[in-house]
Amino acid sequence: MWVWFPEGIEGLIGSLRRGTVQKIDDSGTQQFLKRATGLKSEAFEDIHRPQTHGFSSHPPAGSEGLFLALGGRSDRLLAIGFEHKDHRPKDLAEGQAKLYDHKGNVVFMKGDGLSVNAKTGSVEVRAQADKVTVVPGDGKIVYLGGDGQTGSYDFISTPSGPSINVKARIG
């Protein structure tokens, strides 16, 4: 079977190279690296960085990743990945995952639960229907203000009486 490629067989060739992002434009429908460097003397502009549906990130300047040169041509680059070595969480166990930012805020899928840690700022939970529900598993207690292991806790009071599922730290 004969197949015609408008750019010849070279159109199928791709090359990977490592690069560093200097500036990103995240304002449009697609994200573009506005300034990036590659090999020793390479400098690039306006490189598309496709992202996975349901997740978006804006790597800080100095993040490293890969460029795919479509057709082997440096004027047809795609940016792949990009992470910053100083901010990447390390030593995760097999199967664990962390969603993190450059300030140290983390959502941690630990394998045996989930942890949300706001190193800076606050944790905000919003519901469109003005209702937030926290449900403990298997009749367990929800602890506010700590892990339930250290300090003193007591059931919180509601207009209908004391809660049977929520304790708050005292003092």
N, C-alpha and C. Protein backbone atom coordinates (compact mmCIF):
# COMPACT_ATOMS: atom_id res chain seq x y z
N MET A 1 0.84 -1.18 0.00
CA MET A 1 0.00 0.00 0.00
C MET A 1 0.88 1.23 0.00
N TRP A 2 0.54 2.18 -0.84
CA TRP A 2 1.33 3.40 -0.95
C TRP A 2 0.60 4.54 -0.23
N VAL A 3 1.30 5.28 0.62
CA VAL A 3 0.72 6.41 1.34
C VAL A 3 1.51 7.65 0.99
N TRP A 4 0.79 8.72 0.67
CA TRP A 4 1.44 9.98 0.32
C TRP A 4 1.43 10.92 1.51
N PHE A 5 2.59 11.46 1.85
CA PHE A 5 2.71 12.47 2.89
C PHE A 5 3.09 13.78 2.21
N PRO A 6 2.31 14.85 2.42
CA PRO A 6 2.59 16.10 1.71
C PRO A 6 3.98 16.65 2.00
N GLU A 7 4.55 16.34 3.15
CA GLU A 7 5.89 16.85 3.48
C GLU A 7 6.95 15.76 3.33
N GLY A 8 6.58 14.67 2.69
CA GLY A 8 7.52 13.58 2.54
C GLY A 8 7.64 12.81 3.84
N ILE A 9 8.51 11.83 3.85
CA ILE A 9 8.71 10.99 5.03
C ILE A 9 9.21 11.82 6.22
N GLU A 10 9.84 12.95 5.94
CA GLU A 10 10.34 13.81 7.02
C GLU A 10 9.19 14.34 7.88
N GLY A 11 7.98 14.41 7.30
CA GLY A 11 6.83 14.87 8.06
C GLY A 11 6.45 13.95 9.20
N LEU A 12 6.90 12.72 9.16
CA LEU A 12 6.63 11.77 10.23
C LEU A 12 7.67 11.81 11.34
N ILE A 13 8.79 12.39 11.03
CA ILE A 13 9.88 12.39 11.99
C ILE A 13 9.60 13.43 13.07
N GLY A 14 9.82 13.06 14.29
CA GLY A 14 9.70 13.99 15.40
C GLY A 14 10.96 13.90 16.23
N SER A 15 11.31 14.98 16.85
CA SER A 15 12.46 14.91 17.74
C SER A 15 12.08 15.55 19.07
N LEU A 16 12.63 15.00 20.12
CA LEU A 16 12.40 15.52 21.47
C LEU A 16 13.64 16.25 21.92
N ARG A 17 13.42 17.34 22.61
CA ARG A 17 14.53 18.05 23.24
C ARG A 17 14.03 18.64 24.55
N ARG A 18 14.94 18.83 25.44
CA ARG A 18 14.62 19.38 26.76
C ARG A 18 14.62 20.89 26.68
N GLY A 19 13.76 21.53 27.48
CA GLY A 19 13.72 22.98 27.47
C GLY A 19 13.29 23.54 28.80
N THR A 20 13.41 24.86 28.91
CA THR A 20 13.06 25.58 30.12
C THR A 20 12.14 26.74 29.75
N VAL A 21 11.07 26.89 30.51
CA VAL A 21 10.12 27.96 30.26
C VAL A 21 10.56 29.24 30.98
N GLN A 22 10.40 30.36 30.31
CA GLN A 22 10.71 31.66 30.91
C GLN A 22 9.43 32.45 31.19
N LYS A 23 8.45 32.36 30.28
CA LYS A 23 7.21 33.12 30.42
C LYS A 23 6.08 32.37 29.71
N ILE A 24 4.89 32.36 30.34
CA ILE A 24 3.73 31.67 29.78
C ILE A 24 2.56 32.64 29.67
N ASP A 25 1.79 32.50 28.58
CA ASP A 25 0.53 33.24 28.42
C ASP A 25 -0.59 32.23 28.62
N ASP A 26 -1.34 32.39 29.71
CA ASP A 26 -2.42 31.47 30.05
C ASP A 26 -3.78 32.16 29.94
N SER A 27 -3.86 33.23 29.16
CA SER A 27 -5.07 34.04 29.11
C SER A 27 -6.08 33.60 28.06
N GLY A 28 -5.68 32.80 27.12
CA GLY A 28 -6.58 32.44 26.02
C GLY A 28 -7.18 31.06 26.15
N THR A 29 -7.69 30.55 25.03
CA THR A 29 -8.31 29.23 25.02
C THR A 29 -7.26 28.12 25.04
N GLN A 30 -6.03 28.46 24.72
CA GLN A 30 -4.90 27.52 24.80
C GLN A 30 -3.75 28.22 25.50
N GLN A 31 -2.91 27.43 26.14
CA GLN A 31 -1.75 27.99 26.83
C GLN A 31 -0.55 27.98 25.90
N PHE A 32 0.21 29.09 25.92
CA PHE A 32 1.40 29.21 25.08
C PHE A 32 2.60 29.63 25.91
N LEU A 33 3.74 28.98 25.66
CA LEU A 33 4.99 29.44 26.23
C LEU A 33 5.44 30.61 25.37
N LYS A 34 5.48 31.79 25.97
CA LYS A 34 5.83 32.98 25.21
C LYS A 34 7.35 33.09 25.02
N ARG A 35 8.09 32.63 26.03
CA ARG A 35 9.56 32.59 25.92
C ARG A 35 10.03 31.30 26.55
N ALA A 36 10.91 30.61 25.82
CA ALA A 36 11.48 29.36 26.34
C ALA A 36 12.85 29.17 25.71
N THR A 37 13.69 28.41 26.39
CA THR A 37 15.01 28.10 25.86
C THR A 37 15.13 26.59 25.71
N GLY A 38 15.96 26.18 24.76
CA GLY A 38 16.18 24.76 24.51
C GLY A 38 17.64 24.44 24.70
N LEU A 39 18.27 23.96 23.63
CA LEU A 39 19.69 23.69 23.68
C LEU A 39 20.46 24.97 23.88
N LYS A 40 21.76 24.90 23.96
CA LYS A 40 22.60 26.03 24.35
C LYS A 40 22.23 27.36 23.71
N SER A 41 22.02 27.40 22.42
CA SER A 41 21.77 28.68 21.76
C SER A 41 20.32 28.83 21.28
N GLU A 42 19.42 27.90 21.65
CA GLU A 42 18.05 27.97 21.16
C GLU A 42 17.16 28.84 22.04
N ALA A 43 16.34 29.64 21.40
CA ALA A 43 15.32 30.43 22.09
C ALA A 43 14.04 30.31 21.25
N PHE A 44 12.91 30.11 21.92
CA PHE A 44 11.65 29.90 21.22
C PHE A 44 10.58 30.82 21.77
N GLU A 45 9.56 31.07 20.93
CA GLU A 45 8.41 31.87 21.33
C GLU A 45 7.14 31.19 20.83
N ASP A 46 6.03 31.45 21.53
CA ASP A 46 4.70 31.00 21.10
C ASP A 46 4.61 29.50 20.84
N ILE A 47 4.96 28.72 21.85
CA ILE A 47 4.90 27.26 21.75
C ILE A 47 3.63 26.78 22.46
N HIS A 48 2.79 26.06 21.75
CA HIS A 48 1.55 25.54 22.33
C HIS A 48 1.87 24.48 23.37
N ARG A 49 1.20 24.55 24.52
CA ARG A 49 1.35 23.55 25.58
C ARG A 49 -0.01 22.91 25.83
N PRO A 50 -0.31 21.80 25.14
CA PRO A 50 -1.61 21.14 25.36
C PRO A 50 -1.71 20.59 26.77
N GLN A 51 -2.94 20.60 27.31
CA GLN A 51 -3.15 20.10 28.66
C GLN A 51 -4.28 19.07 28.67
N THR A 52 -4.24 18.20 29.64
CA THR A 52 -5.23 17.16 29.80
C THR A 52 -6.56 17.75 30.27
N HIS A 53 -7.67 17.25 29.73
CA HIS A 53 -8.99 17.72 30.17
C HIS A 53 -9.16 17.50 31.67
N GLY A 54 -9.70 18.48 32.35
CA GLY A 54 -9.97 18.36 33.77
C GLY A 54 -8.82 18.80 34.65
N PHE A 55 -7.71 19.20 34.05
CA PHE A 55 -6.57 19.66 34.83
C PHE A 55 -5.86 20.76 34.05
N SER A 56 -5.54 21.83 34.75
CA SER A 56 -4.79 22.91 34.12
C SER A 56 -3.73 23.38 35.10
N SER A 57 -2.57 23.71 34.58
CA SER A 57 -1.51 24.23 35.45
C SER A 57 -0.76 25.33 34.71
N HIS A 58 -0.09 26.14 35.48
CA HIS A 58 0.73 27.23 34.95
C HIS A 58 2.10 27.10 35.61
N PRO A 59 3.02 26.38 34.98
CA PRO A 59 4.33 26.15 35.59
C PRO A 59 5.07 27.47 35.82
N PRO A 60 5.76 27.62 36.95
CA PRO A 60 6.52 28.85 37.18
C PRO A 60 7.75 28.92 36.27
N ALA A 61 8.23 30.14 36.07
CA ALA A 61 9.45 30.34 35.27
C ALA A 61 10.56 29.45 35.83
N GLY A 62 11.34 28.86 34.95
CA GLY A 62 12.41 27.96 35.35
C GLY A 62 12.01 26.50 35.32
N SER A 63 10.72 26.23 35.06
CA SER A 63 10.27 24.84 34.97
C SER A 63 10.85 24.20 33.72
N GLU A 64 11.13 22.90 33.83
CA GLU A 64 11.74 22.17 32.73
C GLU A 64 10.77 21.12 32.19
N GLY A 65 10.85 20.88 30.88
CA GLY A 65 10.01 19.89 30.25
C GLY A 65 10.58 19.49 28.90
N LEU A 66 9.72 18.97 28.05
CA LEU A 66 10.15 18.51 26.73
C LEU A 66 9.47 19.30 25.63
N PHE A 67 10.19 19.48 24.55
CA PHE A 67 9.62 20.02 23.32
C PHE A 67 9.61 18.90 22.30
N LEU A 68 8.47 18.72 21.66
CA LEU A 68 8.37 17.79 20.55
C LEU A 68 8.39 18.62 19.28
N ALA A 69 9.41 18.41 18.46
CA ALA A 69 9.55 19.12 17.19
C ALA A 69 8.87 18.28 16.11
N LEU A 70 7.67 18.67 15.73
CA LEU A 70 6.91 17.93 14.72
C LEU A 70 7.62 18.02 13.38
N GLY A 71 7.77 16.90 12.73
CA GLY A 71 8.50 16.87 11.47
C GLY A 71 9.98 17.17 11.65
N GLY A 72 10.45 17.14 12.90
CA GLY A 72 11.85 17.45 13.18
C GLY A 72 12.16 18.93 13.09
N ARG A 73 11.12 19.76 12.95
CA ARG A 73 11.32 21.19 12.72
C ARG A 73 11.12 21.99 13.99
N SER A 74 12.04 22.88 14.29
CA SER A 74 11.96 23.68 15.51
C SER A 74 10.88 24.77 15.42
N ASP A 75 10.35 25.03 14.23
CA ASP A 75 9.26 25.99 14.12
C ASP A 75 7.89 25.33 14.33
N ARG A 76 7.89 24.04 14.66
CA ARG A 76 6.65 23.30 14.93
C ARG A 76 6.77 22.57 16.27
N LEU A 77 7.00 23.32 17.31
CA LEU A 77 7.19 22.72 18.63
C LEU A 77 5.88 22.61 19.39
N LEU A 78 5.78 21.56 20.18
CA LEU A 78 4.76 21.40 21.20
C LEU A 78 5.47 21.24 22.53
N ALA A 79 4.97 21.91 23.56
CA ALA A 79 5.54 21.80 24.90
C ALA A 79 4.85 20.66 25.63
N ILE A 80 5.61 19.76 26.23
CA ILE A 80 5.07 18.59 26.92
C ILE A 80 5.55 18.61 28.36
N GLY A 81 4.59 18.50 29.27
CA GLY A 81 4.94 18.43 30.69
C GLY A 81 5.30 19.78 31.27
N PHE A 82 6.41 19.87 31.91
CA PHE A 82 7.01 21.02 32.59
C PHE A 82 6.69 20.99 34.07
N GLU A 83 7.74 20.86 34.85
CA GLU A 83 7.67 20.92 36.30
C GLU A 83 8.91 21.62 36.81
N HIS A 84 8.80 22.17 38.01
CA HIS A 84 9.93 22.90 38.60
C HIS A 84 10.58 22.03 39.66
N LYS A 85 11.87 21.81 39.54
CA LYS A 85 12.58 20.89 40.43
C LYS A 85 12.52 21.31 41.90
N ASP A 86 12.39 22.60 42.18
CA ASP A 86 12.37 23.07 43.57
C ASP A 86 11.00 22.91 44.22
N HIS A 87 9.94 22.68 43.45
CA HIS A 87 8.60 22.61 44.01
C HIS A 87 7.98 21.21 43.93
N ARG A 88 8.56 20.31 43.15
CA ARG A 88 7.99 18.98 42.96
C ARG A 88 8.09 18.15 44.24
N PRO A 89 6.94 17.61 44.73
CA PRO A 89 7.01 16.72 45.89
C PRO A 89 7.83 15.48 45.56
N LYS A 90 8.56 15.00 46.54
CA LYS A 90 9.44 13.85 46.33
C LYS A 90 9.05 12.71 47.28
N ASP A 91 9.58 11.54 47.01
CA ASP A 91 9.44 10.37 47.88
C ASP A 91 8.00 9.90 48.06
N LEU A 92 7.19 9.99 47.00
CA LEU A 92 5.85 9.42 47.08
C LEU A 92 5.94 7.90 46.98
N ALA A 93 5.07 7.23 47.70
CA ALA A 93 5.02 5.78 47.61
C ALA A 93 4.27 5.40 46.33
N GLU A 94 4.48 4.19 45.86
CA GLU A 94 3.82 3.71 44.66
C GLU A 94 2.31 3.88 44.78
N GLY A 95 1.69 4.46 43.76
CA GLY A 95 0.25 4.66 43.73
C GLY A 95 -0.22 5.97 44.33
N GLN A 96 0.61 6.69 45.05
CA GLN A 96 0.21 7.95 45.65
C GLN A 96 0.30 9.08 44.62
N ALA A 97 -0.45 10.16 44.86
CA ALA A 97 -0.43 11.31 43.97
C ALA A 97 -0.61 12.58 44.77
N LYS A 98 0.04 13.65 44.32
CA LYS A 98 -0.12 14.96 44.93
C LYS A 98 -0.39 16.00 43.85
N LEU A 99 -1.35 16.83 44.14
CA LEU A 99 -1.61 18.02 43.35
C LEU A 99 -1.01 19.16 44.16
N TYR A 100 -0.12 19.93 43.59
CA TYR A 100 0.63 20.90 44.37
C TYR A 100 0.84 22.19 43.60
N ASP A 101 1.19 23.24 44.33
CA ASP A 101 1.55 24.49 43.67
C ASP A 101 2.91 24.97 44.18
N HIS A 102 3.34 26.12 43.69
CA HIS A 102 4.67 26.63 44.01
C HIS A 102 4.77 27.22 45.41
N LYS A 103 3.65 27.34 46.13
CA LYS A 103 3.65 27.88 47.49
C LYS A 103 3.62 26.78 48.55
N GLY A 104 3.51 25.50 48.15
CA GLY A 104 3.50 24.41 49.11
C GLY A 104 2.11 23.91 49.46
N ASN A 105 1.07 24.43 48.82
CA ASN A 105 -0.29 23.93 49.04
C ASN A 105 -0.43 22.59 48.35
N VAL A 106 -1.07 21.62 49.03
CA VAL A 106 -1.08 20.24 48.52
C VAL A 106 -2.44 19.58 48.73
N VAL A 107 -2.91 18.88 47.71
CA VAL A 107 -3.98 17.90 47.85
C VAL A 107 -3.29 16.56 47.65
N PHE A 108 -3.34 15.71 48.67
CA PHE A 108 -2.55 14.48 48.71
C PHE A 108 -3.48 13.27 48.73
N MET A 109 -3.39 12.45 47.67
CA MET A 109 -4.10 11.18 47.62
C MET A 109 -3.13 10.14 48.18
N LYS A 110 -3.33 9.77 49.45
CA LYS A 110 -2.36 8.99 50.20
C LYS A 110 -2.45 7.49 49.97
N GLY A 111 -3.50 7.05 49.32
CA GLY A 111 -3.69 5.61 49.16
C GLY A 111 -4.63 5.07 50.22
N ASP A 112 -4.62 5.68 51.41
CA ASP A 112 -5.53 5.27 52.48
C ASP A 112 -6.38 6.46 52.93
N GLY A 113 -6.48 7.45 52.09
CA GLY A 113 -7.27 8.64 52.42
C GLY A 113 -6.81 9.82 51.60
N LEU A 114 -7.34 10.96 51.95
CA LEU A 114 -7.07 12.20 51.23
C LEU A 114 -6.73 13.28 52.24
N SER A 115 -5.75 14.10 51.91
CA SER A 115 -5.34 15.20 52.78
C SER A 115 -5.28 16.48 51.97
N VAL A 116 -5.81 17.56 52.53
CA VAL A 116 -5.71 18.88 51.91
C VAL A 116 -4.96 19.76 52.89
N ASN A 117 -3.85 20.34 52.42
CA ASN A 117 -3.01 21.16 53.28
C ASN A 117 -2.78 22.51 52.62
N ALA A 118 -3.30 23.57 53.25
CA ALA A 118 -3.07 24.92 52.75
C ALA A 118 -1.91 25.52 53.53
N LYS A 119 -0.73 25.48 52.93
CA LYS A 119 0.45 26.05 53.59
C LYS A 119 0.34 27.57 53.63
N THR A 120 -0.27 28.15 52.61
CA THR A 120 -0.53 29.59 52.58
C THR A 120 -2.01 29.79 52.29
N GLY A 121 -2.58 30.83 52.79
CA GLY A 121 -3.98 31.12 52.51
C GLY A 121 -4.92 30.23 53.31
N SER A 122 -6.07 29.94 52.74
CA SER A 122 -7.10 29.18 53.45
C SER A 122 -7.64 28.08 52.56
N VAL A 123 -8.37 27.15 53.17
CA VAL A 123 -9.06 26.11 52.43
C VAL A 123 -10.51 26.58 52.29
N GLU A 124 -11.00 26.59 51.08
CA GLU A 124 -12.35 27.08 50.81
C GLU A 124 -13.14 25.98 50.11
N VAL A 125 -14.32 25.68 50.65
CA VAL A 125 -15.22 24.71 50.03
C VAL A 125 -16.50 25.46 49.72
N ARG A 126 -16.91 25.42 48.45
CA ARG A 126 -18.13 26.12 48.05
C ARG A 126 -19.09 25.13 47.40
N ALA A 127 -20.37 25.39 47.58
CA ALA A 127 -21.39 24.59 46.93
C ALA A 127 -22.35 25.53 46.23
N GLN A 128 -22.73 25.19 45.01
CA GLN A 128 -23.65 26.02 44.25
C GLN A 128 -25.04 26.08 44.90
N ALA A 129 -25.42 25.06 45.60
CA ALA A 129 -26.74 25.00 46.22
C ALA A 129 -26.72 25.46 47.67
N ASP A 130 -25.67 26.16 48.08
CA ASP A 130 -25.54 26.69 49.44
C ASP A 130 -25.60 25.59 50.51
N LYS A 131 -25.09 24.42 50.18
CA LYS A 131 -25.09 23.33 51.15
C LYS A 131 -23.78 22.57 51.02
N VAL A 132 -23.06 22.41 52.12
CA VAL A 132 -21.85 21.61 52.15
C VAL A 132 -22.08 20.48 53.14
N THR A 133 -21.82 19.27 52.71
CA THR A 133 -22.05 18.10 53.56
C THR A 133 -20.72 17.40 53.80
N VAL A 134 -20.42 17.16 55.08
CA VAL A 134 -19.24 16.37 55.46
C VAL A 134 -19.78 15.10 56.09
N VAL A 135 -19.46 13.97 55.50
CA VAL A 135 -20.00 12.71 55.96
C VAL A 135 -18.85 11.81 56.41
N PRO A 136 -18.81 11.46 57.69
CA PRO A 136 -17.78 10.53 58.15
C PRO A 136 -18.12 9.12 57.68
N GLY A 137 -17.12 8.33 57.45
CA GLY A 137 -17.33 6.96 57.00
C GLY A 137 -17.72 6.03 58.13
N ASP A 138 -18.68 5.17 57.90
CA ASP A 138 -19.09 4.11 58.83
C ASP A 138 -19.38 4.61 60.24
N GLY A 139 -20.11 5.72 60.36
CA GLY A 139 -20.49 6.22 61.68
C GLY A 139 -19.36 6.82 62.48
N LYS A 140 -18.26 7.12 61.85
CA LYS A 140 -17.11 7.70 62.55
C LYS A 140 -17.39 9.16 62.89
N ILE A 141 -16.52 9.76 63.65
CA ILE A 141 -16.65 11.14 64.09
C ILE A 141 -15.82 12.05 63.18
N VAL A 142 -16.38 13.21 62.83
CA VAL A 142 -15.65 14.25 62.13
C VAL A 142 -15.03 15.16 63.20
N TYR A 143 -13.72 15.38 63.13
CA TYR A 143 -13.03 16.22 64.09
C TYR A 143 -12.68 17.55 63.45
N LEU A 144 -13.08 18.64 64.11
CA LEU A 144 -12.76 19.98 63.64
C LEU A 144 -11.64 20.55 64.51
N GLY A 145 -10.61 21.07 63.88
CA GLY A 145 -9.51 21.70 64.62
C GLY A 145 -8.38 20.77 64.98
N GLY A 146 -8.38 19.56 64.47
CA GLY A 146 -7.29 18.64 64.76
C GLY A 146 -7.61 17.24 64.25
N ASP A 147 -6.78 16.29 64.67
CA ASP A 147 -6.92 14.93 64.17
C ASP A 147 -7.70 14.02 65.12
N GLY A 148 -8.16 14.56 66.24
CA GLY A 148 -8.90 13.76 67.20
C GLY A 148 -8.02 12.96 68.14
N GLN A 149 -6.72 12.97 67.91
CA GLN A 149 -5.79 12.18 68.73
C GLN A 149 -5.15 13.02 69.84
N THR A 150 -4.87 14.29 69.55
CA THR A 150 -4.22 15.16 70.52
C THR A 150 -5.15 16.30 70.89
N GLY A 151 -5.17 16.68 72.14
CA GLY A 151 -6.03 17.77 72.61
C GLY A 151 -7.37 17.25 73.09
N SER A 152 -8.21 18.17 73.54
CA SER A 152 -9.54 17.83 74.05
C SER A 152 -10.60 18.20 73.01
N TYR A 153 -11.61 17.35 72.86
CA TYR A 153 -12.68 17.56 71.88
C TYR A 153 -14.02 17.35 72.57
N ASP A 154 -15.04 18.04 72.07
CA ASP A 154 -16.39 17.82 72.56
C ASP A 154 -17.34 17.95 71.38
N PHE A 155 -18.52 17.30 71.51
CA PHE A 155 -19.51 17.39 70.44
C PHE A 155 -19.99 18.83 70.31
N ILE A 156 -20.18 19.28 69.08
CA ILE A 156 -20.65 20.64 68.88
C ILE A 156 -22.16 20.68 69.12
N SER A 157 -22.65 21.86 69.51
CA SER A 157 -24.08 22.05 69.73
C SER A 157 -24.70 22.68 68.50
N THR A 158 -25.92 22.22 68.21
CA THR A 158 -26.69 22.76 67.10
C THR A 158 -28.02 23.25 67.65
N PRO A 159 -28.80 23.98 66.86
CA PRO A 159 -30.13 24.40 67.35
C PRO A 159 -31.01 23.20 67.73
N SER A 160 -30.74 22.04 67.16
CA SER A 160 -31.53 20.84 67.47
C SER A 160 -30.93 20.02 68.59
N GLY A 161 -29.80 20.46 69.15
CA GLY A 161 -29.15 19.71 70.21
C GLY A 161 -27.73 19.36 69.81
N PRO A 162 -27.04 18.56 70.63
CA PRO A 162 -25.65 18.23 70.33
C PRO A 162 -25.55 17.29 69.12
N SER A 163 -24.49 17.47 68.37
CA SER A 163 -24.23 16.60 67.23
C SER A 163 -23.78 15.24 67.71
N ILE A 164 -24.08 14.21 66.92
CA ILE A 164 -23.62 12.87 67.26
C ILE A 164 -22.43 12.46 66.37
N ASN A 165 -22.07 13.33 65.38
CA ASN A 165 -21.01 12.97 64.44
C ASN A 165 -19.86 13.96 64.39
N VAL A 166 -20.01 15.16 65.00
CA VAL A 166 -18.98 16.20 64.84
C VAL A 166 -18.50 16.66 66.21
N LYS A 167 -17.18 16.59 66.39
CA LYS A 167 -16.54 17.11 67.60
C LYS A 167 -15.60 18.24 67.19
N ALA A 168 -15.50 19.25 68.06
CA ALA A 168 -14.57 20.36 67.81
C ALA A 168 -13.54 20.40 68.93
N ARG A 169 -12.35 20.83 68.56
CA ARG A 169 -11.26 20.91 69.54
C ARG A 169 -11.56 22.05 70.52
N ILE A 170 -11.30 21.80 71.77
CA ILE A 170 -11.52 22.78 72.82
C ILE A 170 -10.18 23.39 73.19
N GLY A 171 -10.13 24.70 73.20
CA GLY A 171 -8.92 25.42 73.62
C GLY A 171 -7.81 25.46 72.67
